[in-house]
N, C-alpha and C. Protein backbone atom coordinates (compact mmCIF):
# COMPACT_ATOMS: atom_id res chain seq x y z
N MET A 1 138.46 91.40 128.52
CA MET A 1 137.08 91.37 128.98
C MET A 1 136.20 92.05 127.94
N GLY A 2 135.69 91.28 127.04
CA GLY A 2 134.82 91.85 126.02
C GLY A 2 133.36 91.66 126.35
N VAL A 3 132.57 92.53 125.81
CA VAL A 3 131.12 92.43 125.97
C VAL A 3 130.59 91.68 124.76
N SER A 4 129.71 90.76 124.98
CA SER A 4 129.14 89.98 123.91
C SER A 4 128.54 90.87 122.84
N ARG A 5 128.78 90.54 121.57
CA ARG A 5 128.21 91.30 120.46
C ARG A 5 126.69 91.27 120.54
N LYS A 6 126.13 90.17 121.00
CA LYS A 6 124.67 90.04 121.13
C LYS A 6 124.13 91.11 122.07
N ILE A 7 124.82 91.36 123.17
CA ILE A 7 124.38 92.38 124.12
C ILE A 7 124.47 93.76 123.48
N LEU A 8 125.56 94.04 122.75
CA LEU A 8 125.72 95.33 122.11
C LEU A 8 124.64 95.59 121.06
N GLU A 9 124.20 94.53 120.37
CA GLU A 9 123.20 94.68 119.33
C GLU A 9 121.78 94.74 119.89
N HIS A 10 121.59 94.38 121.13
CA HIS A 10 120.26 94.39 121.71
C HIS A 10 119.79 95.81 121.92
N ASP A 11 118.76 96.20 121.19
CA ASP A 11 118.18 97.53 121.32
C ASP A 11 116.67 97.38 121.11
N PRO A 12 115.92 97.16 122.19
CA PRO A 12 114.50 96.88 122.06
C PRO A 12 113.67 98.08 121.59
N VAL A 13 114.27 99.26 121.53
CA VAL A 13 113.53 100.44 121.09
C VAL A 13 113.79 100.73 119.61
N ASN A 14 115.05 100.89 119.23
CA ASN A 14 115.39 101.30 117.87
C ASN A 14 115.53 100.14 116.89
N LYS A 15 115.99 99.02 117.33
CA LYS A 15 116.22 97.87 116.45
C LYS A 15 115.91 96.57 117.17
N PRO A 16 114.64 96.31 117.50
CA PRO A 16 114.31 95.06 118.20
C PRO A 16 114.73 93.85 117.36
N SER A 17 115.39 92.91 117.97
CA SER A 17 115.91 91.77 117.23
C SER A 17 114.80 90.95 116.57
N HIS A 18 113.64 90.89 117.18
CA HIS A 18 112.56 90.10 116.59
C HIS A 18 111.97 90.75 115.34
N TYR A 19 112.33 91.99 115.05
CA TYR A 19 111.92 92.65 113.81
C TYR A 19 113.00 92.61 112.75
N ARG A 20 114.14 92.01 113.04
CA ARG A 20 115.26 92.00 112.10
C ARG A 20 115.58 90.60 111.61
N GLN A 21 114.58 89.82 111.33
CA GLN A 21 114.79 88.46 110.88
C GLN A 21 114.93 88.36 109.37
N THR A 22 114.64 89.44 108.64
CA THR A 22 114.77 89.47 107.19
C THR A 22 115.60 90.69 106.80
N ASP A 23 115.80 90.87 105.50
CA ASP A 23 116.54 92.04 105.01
C ASP A 23 115.75 93.32 105.19
N TRP A 24 114.45 93.22 105.28
CA TRP A 24 113.58 94.38 105.45
C TRP A 24 113.11 94.46 106.88
N GLU A 25 113.12 95.65 107.44
CA GLU A 25 112.55 95.84 108.78
C GLU A 25 111.04 95.90 108.65
N ALA A 26 110.35 95.45 109.68
CA ALA A 26 108.89 95.42 109.66
C ALA A 26 108.31 96.80 109.37
N ILE A 27 108.89 97.85 109.93
CA ILE A 27 108.36 99.20 109.73
C ILE A 27 108.41 99.60 108.26
N GLU A 28 109.43 99.15 107.53
CA GLU A 28 109.53 99.46 106.10
C GLU A 28 108.43 98.75 105.32
N ILE A 29 108.16 97.50 105.66
CA ILE A 29 107.11 96.74 104.99
C ILE A 29 105.75 97.37 105.30
N ILE A 30 105.53 97.74 106.55
CA ILE A 30 104.27 98.38 106.93
C ILE A 30 104.08 99.66 106.14
N LYS A 31 105.11 100.50 106.07
CA LYS A 31 105.00 101.77 105.36
C LYS A 31 104.66 101.56 103.89
N LYS A 32 105.32 100.58 103.26
CA LYS A 32 105.08 100.33 101.85
C LYS A 32 103.67 99.79 101.58
N SER A 33 103.04 99.22 102.60
CA SER A 33 101.71 98.64 102.40
C SER A 33 100.59 99.65 102.62
N MET A 34 100.93 100.89 102.98
CA MET A 34 99.92 101.88 103.35
C MET A 34 100.05 103.15 102.53
N THR A 35 98.95 103.92 102.52
CA THR A 35 99.03 105.27 101.97
C THR A 35 99.74 106.14 103.01
N GLU A 36 100.09 107.36 102.64
CA GLU A 36 100.74 108.28 103.58
C GLU A 36 99.84 108.53 104.79
N ASP A 37 98.55 108.78 104.54
CA ASP A 37 97.63 109.03 105.65
C ASP A 37 97.51 107.82 106.57
N GLU A 38 97.43 106.64 105.99
CA GLU A 38 97.34 105.42 106.80
C GLU A 38 98.60 105.24 107.65
N TYR A 39 99.75 105.47 107.02
CA TYR A 39 101.02 105.29 107.74
C TYR A 39 101.15 106.30 108.87
N GLN A 40 100.79 107.54 108.63
CA GLN A 40 100.87 108.54 109.69
C GLN A 40 99.88 108.21 110.81
N GLY A 41 98.72 107.67 110.46
CA GLY A 41 97.77 107.23 111.47
C GLY A 41 98.32 106.06 112.28
N TYR A 42 99.01 105.16 111.61
CA TYR A 42 99.66 104.03 112.29
C TYR A 42 100.68 104.54 113.30
N LEU A 43 101.50 105.50 112.88
CA LEU A 43 102.50 106.07 113.78
C LEU A 43 101.83 106.76 114.97
N ARG A 44 100.79 107.54 114.71
CA ARG A 44 100.07 108.23 115.79
C ARG A 44 99.45 107.23 116.75
N GLY A 45 98.91 106.15 116.21
CA GLY A 45 98.32 105.12 117.07
C GLY A 45 99.34 104.49 117.99
N ASN A 46 100.54 104.24 117.48
CA ASN A 46 101.59 103.65 118.31
C ASN A 46 102.08 104.63 119.37
N ILE A 47 102.15 105.92 119.02
CA ILE A 47 102.51 106.93 120.02
C ILE A 47 101.50 106.89 121.16
N MET A 48 100.23 106.85 120.81
CA MET A 48 99.17 106.80 121.82
C MET A 48 99.28 105.53 122.67
N LYS A 49 99.48 104.40 122.00
CA LYS A 49 99.56 103.12 122.71
C LYS A 49 100.66 103.14 123.76
N TYR A 50 101.85 103.56 123.37
CA TYR A 50 102.97 103.51 124.30
C TYR A 50 102.87 104.57 125.41
N THR A 51 102.29 105.73 125.10
CA THR A 51 102.16 106.74 126.15
C THR A 51 101.02 106.41 127.11
N MET A 52 100.04 105.67 126.65
CA MET A 52 98.92 105.31 127.52
C MET A 52 99.26 104.17 128.47
N ARG A 53 100.17 103.29 128.08
CA ARG A 53 100.37 102.09 128.89
C ARG A 53 101.67 102.05 129.70
N TYR A 54 102.54 103.05 129.53
CA TYR A 54 103.84 102.97 130.20
C TYR A 54 103.74 102.84 131.71
N ARG A 55 102.71 103.43 132.30
CA ARG A 55 102.56 103.40 133.77
C ARG A 55 102.27 102.00 134.30
N TYR A 56 101.80 101.13 133.43
CA TYR A 56 101.39 99.79 133.87
C TYR A 56 102.39 98.72 133.49
N LYS A 57 103.53 99.10 132.97
CA LYS A 57 104.52 98.13 132.50
C LYS A 57 105.71 98.05 133.45
N LYS A 58 106.40 96.94 133.38
CA LYS A 58 107.61 96.78 134.20
C LYS A 58 108.76 97.60 133.65
N GLN A 59 108.68 97.99 132.40
CA GLN A 59 109.73 98.77 131.74
C GLN A 59 109.13 100.09 131.23
N PRO A 60 108.71 100.99 132.12
CA PRO A 60 108.03 102.21 131.66
C PRO A 60 108.90 103.09 130.76
N ILE A 61 110.17 103.18 131.06
CA ILE A 61 111.05 104.03 130.25
C ILE A 61 111.18 103.48 128.84
N GLU A 62 111.23 102.17 128.71
CA GLU A 62 111.31 101.56 127.39
C GLU A 62 110.07 101.92 126.56
N ASP A 63 108.90 101.87 127.15
CA ASP A 63 107.69 102.24 126.42
C ASP A 63 107.70 103.72 126.04
N LEU A 64 108.17 104.58 126.93
CA LEU A 64 108.26 106.00 126.59
C LEU A 64 109.27 106.23 125.47
N ARG A 65 110.34 105.48 125.45
CA ARG A 65 111.32 105.59 124.36
C ARG A 65 110.72 105.10 123.05
N LYS A 66 109.91 104.06 123.12
CA LYS A 66 109.23 103.58 121.92
C LYS A 66 108.27 104.65 121.40
N ALA A 67 107.54 105.31 122.30
CA ALA A 67 106.65 106.40 121.89
C ALA A 67 107.46 107.50 121.20
N ARG A 68 108.61 107.83 121.79
CA ARG A 68 109.47 108.85 121.20
C ARG A 68 109.96 108.41 119.83
N TRP A 69 110.30 107.14 119.68
CA TRP A 69 110.76 106.62 118.38
C TRP A 69 109.68 106.82 117.33
N TYR A 70 108.45 106.47 117.66
CA TYR A 70 107.35 106.63 116.71
C TYR A 70 107.08 108.11 116.43
N LEU A 71 107.23 108.97 117.43
CA LEU A 71 107.06 110.41 117.22
C LEU A 71 108.13 110.94 116.27
N GLU A 72 109.37 110.51 116.46
CA GLU A 72 110.45 110.93 115.55
C GLU A 72 110.17 110.45 114.13
N GLU A 73 109.66 109.23 113.98
CA GLU A 73 109.31 108.72 112.65
C GLU A 73 108.20 109.56 112.03
N LEU A 74 107.21 109.94 112.84
CA LEU A 74 106.12 110.78 112.34
C LEU A 74 106.65 112.15 111.91
N ILE A 75 107.53 112.73 112.70
CA ILE A 75 108.12 114.03 112.34
C ILE A 75 108.87 113.92 111.01
N LYS A 76 109.69 112.87 110.85
CA LYS A 76 110.42 112.68 109.59
C LYS A 76 109.47 112.52 108.42
N ASP A 77 108.40 111.75 108.64
CA ASP A 77 107.45 111.51 107.56
C ASP A 77 106.73 112.80 107.18
N VAL A 78 106.33 113.58 108.15
CA VAL A 78 105.65 114.86 107.86
C VAL A 78 106.60 115.82 107.17
N LEU A 79 107.85 115.88 107.60
CA LEU A 79 108.82 116.75 106.93
C LEU A 79 109.02 116.37 105.47
N ASN A 80 108.83 115.11 105.14
CA ASN A 80 108.99 114.64 103.76
C ASN A 80 107.67 114.61 102.99
N ASP A 81 106.60 115.06 103.61
CA ASP A 81 105.27 115.03 103.00
C ASP A 81 104.94 116.44 102.51
N GLU A 82 105.08 116.64 101.20
CA GLU A 82 104.90 117.99 100.64
C GLU A 82 103.49 118.53 100.83
N ARG A 83 102.52 117.70 101.12
CA ARG A 83 101.15 118.18 101.34
C ARG A 83 101.09 119.19 102.48
N TYR A 84 102.00 119.07 103.44
CA TYR A 84 101.98 119.97 104.60
C TYR A 84 102.64 121.31 104.30
N PHE A 85 103.33 121.41 103.18
CA PHE A 85 104.12 122.61 102.92
C PHE A 85 103.77 123.32 101.62
N LYS A 86 102.89 122.79 100.82
CA LYS A 86 102.64 123.39 99.51
C LYS A 86 101.90 124.72 99.58
N ASN A 87 101.19 125.00 100.67
CA ASN A 87 100.47 126.27 100.81
C ASN A 87 101.20 127.30 101.66
N SER A 88 102.35 126.92 102.21
CA SER A 88 103.07 127.89 103.06
C SER A 88 103.91 128.82 102.18
N GLN A 89 103.76 130.08 102.41
CA GLN A 89 104.47 131.10 101.65
C GLN A 89 105.36 131.91 102.57
N SER A 90 106.35 131.28 103.21
CA SER A 90 107.23 131.99 104.15
C SER A 90 108.45 132.50 103.47
């Protein structure tokens, strides 16, 4: 009794199948097309979008997980952005 590989690969939050039609994920292309400030604004906008609308969706937890995904991406991006750390003398 095996579970279909298609079901195992289905992850609408971390790896939506409709974003994996090429070798590059959409988020990578978006990031490369923007400045750091634009990209961080894009991430913040998506966090806002998903946290504002989860109450009105049939899949509220999925939207909250998407918001968390974008927040984690923003945290990673800020951690790698030396502009936030060049003046700290700890």
